[in-house]
N, C-alpha and C. Protein backbone atom coordinates (compact mmCIF):
# COMPACT_ATOMS: atom_id res chain seq x y z
N MET A 1 1.63 -47.91 -6.87
CA MET A 1 0.92 -47.09 -7.83
C MET A 1 0.39 -45.82 -7.17
N LYS A 2 -0.08 -45.91 -5.93
CA LYS A 2 -0.63 -44.76 -5.24
C LYS A 2 0.42 -43.66 -5.09
N LYS A 3 1.68 -44.00 -4.76
CA LYS A 3 2.75 -43.02 -4.62
C LYS A 3 3.05 -42.35 -5.95
N LEU A 4 3.02 -43.10 -7.04
CA LEU A 4 3.29 -42.56 -8.36
C LEU A 4 2.21 -41.55 -8.75
N VAL A 5 0.94 -41.86 -8.51
CA VAL A 5 -0.15 -40.95 -8.83
C VAL A 5 -0.05 -39.68 -7.99
N ALA A 6 0.29 -39.83 -6.72
CA ALA A 6 0.41 -38.66 -5.85
C ALA A 6 1.56 -37.76 -6.29
N ALA A 7 2.62 -38.33 -6.84
CA ALA A 7 3.78 -37.54 -7.26
C ALA A 7 3.59 -36.93 -8.64
N LEU A 8 2.65 -37.41 -9.42
CA LEU A 8 2.46 -36.95 -10.78
C LEU A 8 2.20 -35.44 -10.89
N PRO A 9 1.30 -34.83 -10.11
CA PRO A 9 1.09 -33.39 -10.24
C PRO A 9 2.38 -32.59 -10.01
N LEU A 10 3.21 -32.98 -9.05
CA LEU A 10 4.45 -32.28 -8.78
C LEU A 10 5.37 -32.37 -9.99
N CYS A 11 5.44 -33.56 -10.62
CA CYS A 11 6.29 -33.72 -11.80
C CYS A 11 5.80 -32.85 -12.94
N LEU A 12 4.49 -32.74 -13.11
CA LEU A 12 3.94 -31.92 -14.19
C LEU A 12 4.26 -30.44 -13.98
N VAL A 13 4.27 -30.01 -12.76
CA VAL A 13 4.59 -28.62 -12.46
C VAL A 13 6.06 -28.35 -12.73
N MET A 14 6.92 -29.32 -12.43
CA MET A 14 8.35 -29.08 -12.52
C MET A 14 8.93 -29.34 -13.91
N VAL A 15 8.27 -30.17 -14.72
CA VAL A 15 8.81 -30.51 -16.04
C VAL A 15 7.73 -30.27 -17.08
N GLY A 16 8.07 -29.52 -18.12
CA GLY A 16 7.12 -29.23 -19.20
C GLY A 16 7.01 -30.41 -20.15
N CYS A 17 6.19 -30.24 -21.18
CA CYS A 17 5.94 -31.31 -22.14
C CYS A 17 7.23 -31.80 -22.81
N GLY A 18 8.16 -30.92 -23.08
CA GLY A 18 9.39 -31.31 -23.75
C GLY A 18 10.46 -31.77 -22.78
N GLY A 19 10.14 -31.90 -21.52
CA GLY A 19 11.11 -32.35 -20.54
C GLY A 19 11.93 -31.23 -19.94
N GLU A 20 11.73 -29.97 -20.42
CA GLU A 20 12.49 -28.85 -19.86
C GLU A 20 11.91 -28.43 -18.51
N ALA A 21 12.77 -27.92 -17.66
CA ALA A 21 12.31 -27.45 -16.35
C ALA A 21 11.57 -26.14 -16.53
N LYS A 22 10.44 -26.00 -15.85
CA LYS A 22 9.66 -24.77 -15.88
C LYS A 22 10.02 -23.93 -14.66
N GLN A 23 10.01 -22.65 -14.87
CA GLN A 23 10.23 -21.75 -13.73
C GLN A 23 8.93 -21.69 -12.94
N SER A 24 9.03 -21.89 -11.65
CA SER A 24 7.84 -21.79 -10.83
C SER A 24 7.92 -20.51 -10.02
N GLY A 25 6.83 -20.12 -9.47
CA GLY A 25 6.79 -18.89 -8.67
C GLY A 25 5.45 -18.23 -8.85
N ILE A 26 5.33 -17.07 -8.25
CA ILE A 26 4.07 -16.34 -8.29
C ILE A 26 4.21 -15.15 -9.24
N GLU A 27 3.18 -14.88 -10.01
CA GLU A 27 3.20 -13.75 -10.94
C GLU A 27 3.28 -12.45 -10.13
N PRO A 28 4.00 -11.45 -10.64
CA PRO A 28 4.12 -10.18 -9.92
C PRO A 28 2.77 -9.56 -9.58
N LYS A 29 1.79 -9.64 -10.48
CA LYS A 29 0.48 -9.05 -10.21
C LYS A 29 -0.20 -9.75 -9.03
N VAL A 30 -0.14 -11.07 -9.00
CA VAL A 30 -0.74 -11.83 -7.90
C VAL A 30 -0.02 -11.50 -6.59
N TYR A 31 1.31 -11.40 -6.67
CA TYR A 31 2.13 -11.08 -5.50
C TYR A 31 1.76 -9.71 -4.93
N THR A 32 1.73 -8.69 -5.81
CA THR A 32 1.43 -7.34 -5.31
C THR A 32 -0.02 -7.22 -4.87
N ASP A 33 -0.95 -7.89 -5.57
CA ASP A 33 -2.35 -7.87 -5.14
C ASP A 33 -2.49 -8.47 -3.74
N SER A 34 -1.76 -9.54 -3.48
CA SER A 34 -1.81 -10.19 -2.17
C SER A 34 -1.22 -9.30 -1.08
N LEU A 35 -0.08 -8.69 -1.37
CA LEU A 35 0.53 -7.78 -0.40
C LEU A 35 -0.41 -6.63 -0.09
N PHE A 36 -1.03 -6.06 -1.13
CA PHE A 36 -1.94 -4.94 -0.92
C PHE A 36 -3.14 -5.34 -0.06
N ALA A 37 -3.65 -6.54 -0.26
CA ALA A 37 -4.80 -6.99 0.53
C ALA A 37 -4.47 -6.97 2.02
N VAL A 38 -3.28 -7.42 2.38
CA VAL A 38 -2.85 -7.41 3.78
C VAL A 38 -2.71 -5.97 4.28
N MET A 39 -2.03 -5.14 3.49
CA MET A 39 -1.81 -3.74 3.88
C MET A 39 -3.13 -3.00 4.06
N LYS A 40 -4.04 -3.18 3.11
CA LYS A 40 -5.33 -2.50 3.18
C LYS A 40 -6.12 -2.94 4.40
N ALA A 41 -6.14 -4.23 4.67
CA ALA A 41 -6.88 -4.74 5.82
C ALA A 41 -6.30 -4.18 7.12
N ASP A 42 -4.97 -4.20 7.25
CA ASP A 42 -4.34 -3.67 8.47
C ASP A 42 -4.64 -2.18 8.65
N ARG A 43 -4.49 -1.42 7.60
CA ARG A 43 -4.69 0.03 7.70
C ARG A 43 -6.15 0.38 7.97
N THR A 44 -7.06 -0.29 7.28
CA THR A 44 -8.49 -0.05 7.49
C THR A 44 -8.88 -0.40 8.92
N ASN A 45 -8.43 -1.54 9.40
CA ASN A 45 -8.77 -1.94 10.77
C ASN A 45 -8.17 -0.99 11.80
N TYR A 46 -6.94 -0.54 11.61
CA TYR A 46 -6.33 0.41 12.54
C TYR A 46 -7.15 1.71 12.57
N THR A 47 -7.54 2.17 11.39
CA THR A 47 -8.31 3.42 11.31
C THR A 47 -9.68 3.28 11.96
N LYS A 48 -10.39 2.21 11.62
CA LYS A 48 -11.76 2.05 12.12
C LYS A 48 -11.82 1.59 13.58
N MET A 49 -10.88 0.72 13.98
CA MET A 49 -10.96 0.14 15.33
C MET A 49 -10.19 0.94 16.38
N ILE A 50 -9.20 1.69 15.95
CA ILE A 50 -8.40 2.44 16.92
C ILE A 50 -8.63 3.94 16.80
N ILE A 51 -8.25 4.52 15.68
CA ILE A 51 -8.32 5.98 15.52
C ILE A 51 -9.74 6.49 15.66
N LYS A 52 -10.69 5.86 14.98
CA LYS A 52 -12.08 6.30 15.05
C LYS A 52 -12.63 6.23 16.47
N ARG A 53 -12.23 5.23 17.23
CA ARG A 53 -12.71 5.08 18.60
C ARG A 53 -12.10 6.10 19.55
N LEU A 54 -10.91 6.58 19.23
CA LEU A 54 -10.25 7.54 20.11
C LEU A 54 -10.92 8.91 20.05
N GLY A 55 -11.47 9.24 18.89
CA GLY A 55 -12.18 10.49 18.74
C GLY A 55 -11.27 11.68 18.65
N PRO A 56 -11.86 12.87 18.69
CA PRO A 56 -11.07 14.11 18.56
C PRO A 56 -10.12 14.30 19.73
N ALA A 57 -9.11 15.10 19.50
CA ALA A 57 -8.11 15.37 20.53
C ALA A 57 -8.78 15.78 21.84
N GLY A 58 -8.33 15.19 22.91
CA GLY A 58 -8.86 15.53 24.23
C GLY A 58 -10.02 14.66 24.67
N ALA A 59 -10.61 13.88 23.76
CA ALA A 59 -11.77 13.07 24.11
C ALA A 59 -11.38 11.77 24.80
N SER A 60 -10.11 11.41 24.73
CA SER A 60 -9.68 10.18 25.38
C SER A 60 -8.27 10.37 25.92
N ALA A 61 -7.80 9.38 26.65
CA ALA A 61 -6.46 9.47 27.22
C ALA A 61 -5.39 9.36 26.14
N ILE A 62 -5.71 8.69 25.02
CA ILE A 62 -4.76 8.56 23.92
C ILE A 62 -5.23 9.47 22.79
N VAL A 63 -4.29 10.25 22.25
CA VAL A 63 -4.64 11.24 21.24
C VAL A 63 -3.90 10.95 19.93
N PRO A 64 -4.64 10.58 18.86
CA PRO A 64 -3.98 10.41 17.57
C PRO A 64 -3.59 11.78 17.03
N ASP A 65 -2.33 11.91 16.62
CA ASP A 65 -1.86 13.22 16.18
C ASP A 65 -0.64 13.05 15.28
N GLU A 66 -0.51 13.92 14.31
CA GLU A 66 0.64 13.90 13.41
C GLU A 66 1.95 14.01 14.20
N HIS A 67 1.93 14.79 15.25
CA HIS A 67 3.12 14.98 16.10
C HIS A 67 2.98 14.17 17.39
N TRP A 68 2.58 12.93 17.26
CA TRP A 68 2.26 12.06 18.38
C TRP A 68 3.43 11.87 19.33
N GLU A 69 4.66 11.89 18.83
CA GLU A 69 5.83 11.67 19.69
C GLU A 69 6.05 12.81 20.68
N ASP A 70 5.49 13.98 20.37
CA ASP A 70 5.63 15.14 21.24
C ASP A 70 4.54 15.21 22.31
N LYS A 71 3.61 14.28 22.26
CA LYS A 71 2.48 14.29 23.20
C LYS A 71 2.63 13.15 24.19
N PRO A 72 2.31 13.38 25.44
CA PRO A 72 2.47 12.33 26.45
C PRO A 72 1.66 11.06 26.13
N ASN A 73 0.48 11.22 25.56
CA ASN A 73 -0.37 10.07 25.24
C ASN A 73 -0.70 10.04 23.75
N GLY A 74 0.26 10.44 22.92
CA GLY A 74 0.03 10.49 21.48
C GLY A 74 0.05 9.12 20.82
N ALA A 75 -0.66 9.03 19.73
CA ALA A 75 -0.69 7.80 18.92
C ALA A 75 -0.47 8.21 17.46
N PRO A 76 0.29 7.41 16.71
CA PRO A 76 0.52 7.75 15.30
C PRO A 76 -0.76 7.64 14.47
N LEU A 77 -0.81 8.47 13.45
CA LEU A 77 -1.92 8.43 12.51
C LEU A 77 -1.79 7.21 11.59
N PRO A 78 -2.87 6.79 10.94
CA PRO A 78 -2.80 5.62 10.06
C PRO A 78 -1.72 5.72 8.98
N ALA A 79 -1.56 6.88 8.36
CA ALA A 79 -0.52 7.03 7.32
C ALA A 79 0.87 6.86 7.92
N GLN A 80 1.05 7.32 9.16
CA GLN A 80 2.35 7.17 9.82
C GLN A 80 2.61 5.71 10.15
N MET A 81 1.61 4.99 10.64
CA MET A 81 1.77 3.57 10.93
C MET A 81 2.14 2.82 9.65
N PHE A 82 1.52 3.21 8.55
CA PHE A 82 1.79 2.57 7.26
C PHE A 82 3.26 2.80 6.87
N ARG A 83 3.73 4.04 7.02
CA ARG A 83 5.12 4.36 6.68
C ARG A 83 6.08 3.61 7.60
N TYR A 84 5.77 3.53 8.89
CA TYR A 84 6.65 2.79 9.82
C TYR A 84 6.73 1.31 9.40
N GLY A 85 5.61 0.76 8.96
CA GLY A 85 5.62 -0.62 8.48
C GLY A 85 6.50 -0.77 7.25
N ALA A 86 6.38 0.16 6.31
CA ALA A 86 7.19 0.13 5.08
C ALA A 86 8.67 0.22 5.41
N GLU A 87 9.02 1.08 6.36
CA GLU A 87 10.43 1.23 6.75
C GLU A 87 10.95 -0.05 7.41
N ALA A 88 10.12 -0.68 8.23
CA ALA A 88 10.53 -1.93 8.89
C ALA A 88 10.72 -3.05 7.86
N VAL A 89 9.82 -3.13 6.88
CA VAL A 89 9.94 -4.14 5.83
C VAL A 89 11.22 -3.90 5.04
N ALA A 90 11.54 -2.64 4.74
CA ALA A 90 12.76 -2.32 3.97
C ALA A 90 14.02 -2.77 4.70
N GLU A 91 13.97 -2.79 6.03
CA GLU A 91 15.12 -3.26 6.81
C GLU A 91 15.24 -4.79 6.78
N MET A 92 14.12 -5.48 6.51
CA MET A 92 14.10 -6.94 6.54
C MET A 92 14.34 -7.61 5.19
N THR A 93 13.90 -6.95 4.10
CA THR A 93 13.95 -7.60 2.80
C THR A 93 14.05 -6.58 1.68
N SER A 94 14.61 -7.02 0.56
CA SER A 94 14.60 -6.20 -0.65
C SER A 94 13.72 -6.85 -1.71
N ASP A 95 12.92 -7.84 -1.30
CA ASP A 95 12.03 -8.54 -2.22
C ASP A 95 10.90 -7.65 -2.72
N PHE A 96 10.55 -6.62 -1.98
CA PHE A 96 9.54 -5.66 -2.40
C PHE A 96 9.65 -4.42 -1.52
N SER A 97 9.04 -3.33 -1.99
CA SER A 97 8.94 -2.12 -1.18
C SER A 97 7.55 -1.54 -1.40
N TYR A 98 7.12 -0.71 -0.47
CA TYR A 98 5.82 -0.08 -0.64
C TYR A 98 5.81 1.28 0.04
N SER A 99 4.90 2.12 -0.44
CA SER A 99 4.76 3.46 0.12
C SER A 99 3.34 3.96 -0.12
N LEU A 100 2.97 4.95 0.64
CA LEU A 100 1.68 5.61 0.49
C LEU A 100 1.97 6.96 -0.16
N GLN A 101 1.36 7.22 -1.30
CA GLN A 101 1.62 8.45 -2.04
C GLN A 101 0.31 9.10 -2.46
N SER A 102 0.41 10.36 -2.86
CA SER A 102 -0.78 11.08 -3.29
C SER A 102 -0.40 12.17 -4.28
N LEU A 103 -1.35 12.49 -5.14
CA LEU A 103 -1.19 13.65 -6.01
C LEU A 103 -1.39 14.93 -5.20
N TRP A 104 -1.99 14.78 -4.00
CA TRP A 104 -2.24 15.91 -3.10
C TRP A 104 -1.68 15.58 -1.72
N PRO A 105 -0.39 15.36 -1.60
CA PRO A 105 0.15 14.93 -0.30
C PRO A 105 0.13 16.04 0.75
N VAL A 106 -0.25 15.66 1.95
CA VAL A 106 -0.15 16.58 3.08
C VAL A 106 1.33 16.77 3.42
N ASN A 107 2.09 15.70 3.31
CA ASN A 107 3.54 15.73 3.53
C ASN A 107 4.19 15.57 2.15
N SER A 108 4.98 16.56 1.73
CA SER A 108 5.52 16.57 0.37
C SER A 108 6.36 15.34 0.04
N GLN A 109 6.92 14.67 1.05
CA GLN A 109 7.71 13.46 0.77
C GLN A 109 6.84 12.31 0.26
N ASN A 110 5.53 12.46 0.35
CA ASN A 110 4.61 11.42 -0.10
C ASN A 110 4.03 11.68 -1.49
N GLY A 111 4.65 12.59 -2.22
CA GLY A 111 4.24 12.83 -3.60
C GLY A 111 4.95 11.84 -4.52
N PRO A 112 4.44 11.68 -5.74
CA PRO A 112 5.07 10.75 -6.69
C PRO A 112 6.47 11.24 -7.09
N ARG A 113 7.39 10.27 -7.26
CA ARG A 113 8.77 10.61 -7.62
C ARG A 113 9.17 10.11 -9.00
N THR A 114 8.46 9.10 -9.50
CA THR A 114 8.80 8.57 -10.82
C THR A 114 7.62 8.78 -11.76
N GLU A 115 7.88 8.67 -13.04
CA GLU A 115 6.82 8.83 -14.04
C GLU A 115 5.75 7.75 -13.87
N VAL A 116 6.16 6.52 -13.59
CA VAL A 116 5.18 5.44 -13.40
C VAL A 116 4.30 5.73 -12.19
N GLU A 117 4.87 6.26 -11.12
CA GLU A 117 4.06 6.62 -9.94
C GLU A 117 3.04 7.70 -10.31
N LYS A 118 3.46 8.73 -11.05
CA LYS A 118 2.54 9.81 -11.46
C LYS A 118 1.42 9.27 -12.33
N VAL A 119 1.78 8.46 -13.33
CA VAL A 119 0.78 7.88 -14.23
C VAL A 119 -0.17 6.98 -13.43
N GLY A 120 0.38 6.16 -12.54
CA GLY A 120 -0.44 5.25 -11.75
C GLY A 120 -1.40 5.98 -10.82
N LEU A 121 -0.92 7.00 -10.14
CA LEU A 121 -1.79 7.76 -9.23
C LEU A 121 -2.90 8.49 -10.00
N THR A 122 -2.56 9.02 -11.15
CA THR A 122 -3.57 9.68 -11.99
C THR A 122 -4.60 8.66 -12.47
N TYR A 123 -4.13 7.49 -12.88
CA TYR A 123 -5.02 6.44 -13.38
C TYR A 123 -6.02 6.00 -12.31
N ILE A 124 -5.55 5.70 -11.09
CA ILE A 124 -6.48 5.21 -10.07
C ILE A 124 -7.46 6.30 -9.64
N ASN A 125 -7.05 7.56 -9.74
CA ASN A 125 -7.96 8.66 -9.42
C ASN A 125 -9.04 8.79 -10.50
N ASP A 126 -8.64 8.64 -11.76
CA ASP A 126 -9.57 8.79 -12.88
C ASP A 126 -10.42 7.55 -13.13
N ASN A 127 -10.04 6.42 -12.55
CA ASN A 127 -10.74 5.14 -12.77
C ASN A 127 -11.04 4.48 -11.43
N PRO A 128 -12.01 5.02 -10.67
CA PRO A 128 -12.30 4.50 -9.33
C PRO A 128 -12.50 2.98 -9.32
N GLY A 129 -11.89 2.35 -8.32
CA GLY A 129 -12.02 0.91 -8.14
C GLY A 129 -11.05 0.09 -8.95
N GLU A 130 -10.25 0.74 -9.78
CA GLU A 130 -9.27 0.00 -10.59
C GLU A 130 -7.86 0.20 -10.05
N ASN A 131 -7.01 -0.77 -10.34
CA ASN A 131 -5.60 -0.70 -9.97
C ASN A 131 -4.79 -0.38 -11.21
N PHE A 132 -3.54 0.02 -11.01
CA PHE A 132 -2.63 0.31 -12.12
C PHE A 132 -1.41 -0.58 -11.99
N TYR A 133 -0.96 -1.14 -13.11
CA TYR A 133 0.22 -1.99 -13.13
C TYR A 133 1.15 -1.50 -14.24
N GLY A 134 2.43 -1.41 -13.92
CA GLY A 134 3.40 -0.99 -14.91
C GLY A 134 4.78 -1.54 -14.59
N GLU A 135 5.71 -1.23 -15.46
CA GLU A 135 7.10 -1.62 -15.25
C GLU A 135 7.96 -0.39 -15.39
N GLU A 136 9.05 -0.36 -14.65
CA GLU A 136 9.99 0.76 -14.73
C GLU A 136 11.38 0.28 -14.36
N GLU A 137 12.37 1.05 -14.79
CA GLU A 137 13.74 0.73 -14.44
C GLU A 137 14.28 1.87 -13.59
N LEU A 138 14.81 1.51 -12.43
CA LEU A 138 15.36 2.48 -11.49
C LEU A 138 16.73 1.99 -11.05
N GLY A 139 17.74 2.81 -11.20
CA GLY A 139 19.09 2.42 -10.78
C GLY A 139 19.58 1.16 -11.44
N GLY A 140 19.18 0.93 -12.69
CA GLY A 140 19.62 -0.25 -13.42
C GLY A 140 18.86 -1.52 -13.08
N VAL A 141 17.84 -1.43 -12.24
CA VAL A 141 17.03 -2.59 -11.85
C VAL A 141 15.63 -2.42 -12.42
N LYS A 142 15.09 -3.47 -13.03
CA LYS A 142 13.75 -3.44 -13.59
C LYS A 142 12.75 -3.84 -12.50
N TYR A 143 11.66 -3.09 -12.39
CA TYR A 143 10.65 -3.33 -11.37
C TYR A 143 9.27 -3.49 -11.98
N PHE A 144 8.46 -4.33 -11.34
CA PHE A 144 7.02 -4.37 -11.57
C PHE A 144 6.46 -3.43 -10.51
N THR A 145 5.71 -2.42 -10.94
CA THR A 145 5.18 -1.43 -10.01
C THR A 145 3.66 -1.43 -10.09
N ALA A 146 3.01 -1.59 -8.96
CA ALA A 146 1.56 -1.60 -8.87
C ALA A 146 1.11 -0.43 -8.01
N VAL A 147 0.01 0.21 -8.42
CA VAL A 147 -0.56 1.33 -7.65
C VAL A 147 -2.02 1.00 -7.37
N TYR A 148 -2.38 1.03 -6.08
CA TYR A 148 -3.72 0.69 -5.63
C TYR A 148 -4.37 1.92 -5.00
N PRO A 149 -5.67 2.10 -5.19
CA PRO A 149 -6.33 3.27 -4.61
C PRO A 149 -6.34 3.24 -3.08
N ASP A 150 -6.04 4.37 -2.49
CA ASP A 150 -6.15 4.54 -1.05
C ASP A 150 -7.40 5.39 -0.83
N VAL A 151 -8.43 4.74 -0.34
CA VAL A 151 -9.75 5.34 -0.24
C VAL A 151 -10.02 5.81 1.19
N ALA A 152 -10.67 6.94 1.33
CA ALA A 152 -11.07 7.45 2.64
C ALA A 152 -12.12 6.52 3.23
N VAL A 153 -11.73 5.75 4.27
CA VAL A 153 -12.63 4.73 4.83
C VAL A 153 -13.36 5.19 6.09
N ALA A 154 -12.94 6.32 6.66
CA ALA A 154 -13.57 6.79 7.90
C ALA A 154 -13.49 8.31 7.95
N ALA A 155 -14.41 8.90 8.69
CA ALA A 155 -14.46 10.36 8.82
C ALA A 155 -13.14 10.97 9.30
N PRO A 156 -12.41 10.34 10.23
CA PRO A 156 -11.15 10.96 10.65
C PRO A 156 -10.15 11.15 9.50
N CYS A 157 -10.18 10.28 8.49
CA CYS A 157 -9.29 10.43 7.32
C CYS A 157 -9.62 11.74 6.61
N VAL A 158 -10.89 11.90 6.30
CA VAL A 158 -11.36 13.08 5.56
C VAL A 158 -11.13 14.34 6.38
N ASP A 159 -11.51 14.31 7.65
CA ASP A 159 -11.36 15.50 8.50
C ASP A 159 -9.90 15.94 8.62
N CYS A 160 -9.02 14.97 8.81
CA CYS A 160 -7.59 15.28 8.96
C CYS A 160 -7.04 15.89 7.68
N HIS A 161 -7.29 15.25 6.54
CA HIS A 161 -6.74 15.76 5.28
C HIS A 161 -7.34 17.10 4.89
N ASN A 162 -8.65 17.25 5.01
CA ASN A 162 -9.30 18.50 4.63
C ASN A 162 -8.91 19.66 5.54
N GLY A 163 -8.62 19.36 6.80
CA GLY A 163 -8.31 20.43 7.76
C GLY A 163 -6.83 20.66 8.01
N HIS A 164 -5.96 19.87 7.39
CA HIS A 164 -4.52 19.99 7.66
C HIS A 164 -3.99 21.31 7.12
N LYS A 165 -3.09 21.93 7.86
CA LYS A 165 -2.54 23.24 7.46
C LYS A 165 -1.75 23.17 6.15
N ASP A 166 -1.21 22.01 5.80
CA ASP A 166 -0.41 21.88 4.58
C ASP A 166 -1.14 21.19 3.43
N THR A 167 -2.45 21.00 3.57
CA THR A 167 -3.17 20.26 2.54
C THR A 167 -3.34 21.08 1.25
N PRO A 168 -3.11 20.44 0.10
CA PRO A 168 -3.37 21.13 -1.15
C PRO A 168 -4.82 20.95 -1.64
N ARG A 169 -5.59 20.15 -0.88
CA ARG A 169 -6.97 19.87 -1.29
C ARG A 169 -7.84 19.75 -0.05
N THR A 170 -9.01 20.40 -0.06
CA THR A 170 -9.86 20.44 1.13
C THR A 170 -11.28 19.91 0.90
N ASP A 171 -11.48 19.16 -0.18
CA ASP A 171 -12.84 18.72 -0.51
C ASP A 171 -13.02 17.21 -0.53
N PHE A 172 -12.18 16.47 0.19
CA PHE A 172 -12.33 15.01 0.23
C PHE A 172 -13.61 14.63 0.95
N LYS A 173 -14.22 13.52 0.47
CA LYS A 173 -15.40 12.95 1.11
C LYS A 173 -15.14 11.47 1.36
N LEU A 174 -15.92 10.85 2.24
CA LEU A 174 -15.81 9.41 2.46
C LEU A 174 -15.94 8.69 1.12
N GLY A 175 -15.10 7.71 0.91
CA GLY A 175 -15.13 6.93 -0.32
C GLY A 175 -14.26 7.49 -1.44
N ASP A 176 -13.74 8.71 -1.28
CA ASP A 176 -12.87 9.31 -2.30
C ASP A 176 -11.50 8.64 -2.31
N VAL A 177 -10.89 8.60 -3.49
CA VAL A 177 -9.50 8.18 -3.60
C VAL A 177 -8.65 9.36 -3.14
N MET A 178 -7.89 9.15 -2.06
CA MET A 178 -7.07 10.24 -1.52
C MET A 178 -5.62 10.11 -1.97
N GLY A 179 -5.27 8.96 -2.48
CA GLY A 179 -3.91 8.71 -2.91
C GLY A 179 -3.82 7.26 -3.34
N GLY A 180 -2.61 6.70 -3.21
CA GLY A 180 -2.44 5.32 -3.62
C GLY A 180 -1.33 4.62 -2.87
N VAL A 181 -1.43 3.32 -2.81
CA VAL A 181 -0.38 2.48 -2.25
C VAL A 181 0.44 2.01 -3.45
N VAL A 182 1.73 2.31 -3.43
CA VAL A 182 2.64 1.92 -4.50
C VAL A 182 3.48 0.75 -4.00
N ILE A 183 3.39 -0.38 -4.70
CA ILE A 183 4.17 -1.57 -4.35
C ILE A 183 5.11 -1.86 -5.51
N ARG A 184 6.37 -2.03 -5.19
CA ARG A 184 7.39 -2.23 -6.21
C ARG A 184 8.13 -3.55 -5.94
N VAL A 185 8.22 -4.40 -6.99
CA VAL A 185 8.88 -5.70 -6.89
C VAL A 185 9.96 -5.79 -7.97
N PRO A 186 11.20 -6.10 -7.58
CA PRO A 186 12.23 -6.27 -8.61
C PRO A 186 11.92 -7.48 -9.48
N MET A 187 12.18 -7.34 -10.76
CA MET A 187 11.89 -8.46 -11.69
C MET A 187 13.15 -9.25 -11.99
């Protein structure tokens, strides 16, 4: 009897009331929210624990810089580390993709490319603390697309964006939404 009771929850998950098999899995919103939590934690920790501690150029042996590869002791910026992670994930799986985008990108390749991205970035900017969820079809494939606010978590974020030679916006403050993390999952 003990084995039967232990197996009962598994049977209920796998077979519905009419005996039909139920599809199991994780909802796209839960999936993208979970992925974003990991990405946000990694990026925030890198910014606060590494970049912030290194200080301005010349203050330490390692210098965070947009052109870090050209410097003997250069280190990539948080946005660059994020992009490198996204590129590495794209080489490993097609189960999801992600990118860092902005309505005011310092690098033009980080601007929105689809209507859902534009709507999502506008939404998170106009509704602080909220996420955006939508669906879109690209190349004949339907996607669940989530956009999460990318908030300035440390002074180096604000200083870099406000002072960058290619910035379209120079008034960011700590806590401002500077852009968004776009996560796309095929449906």
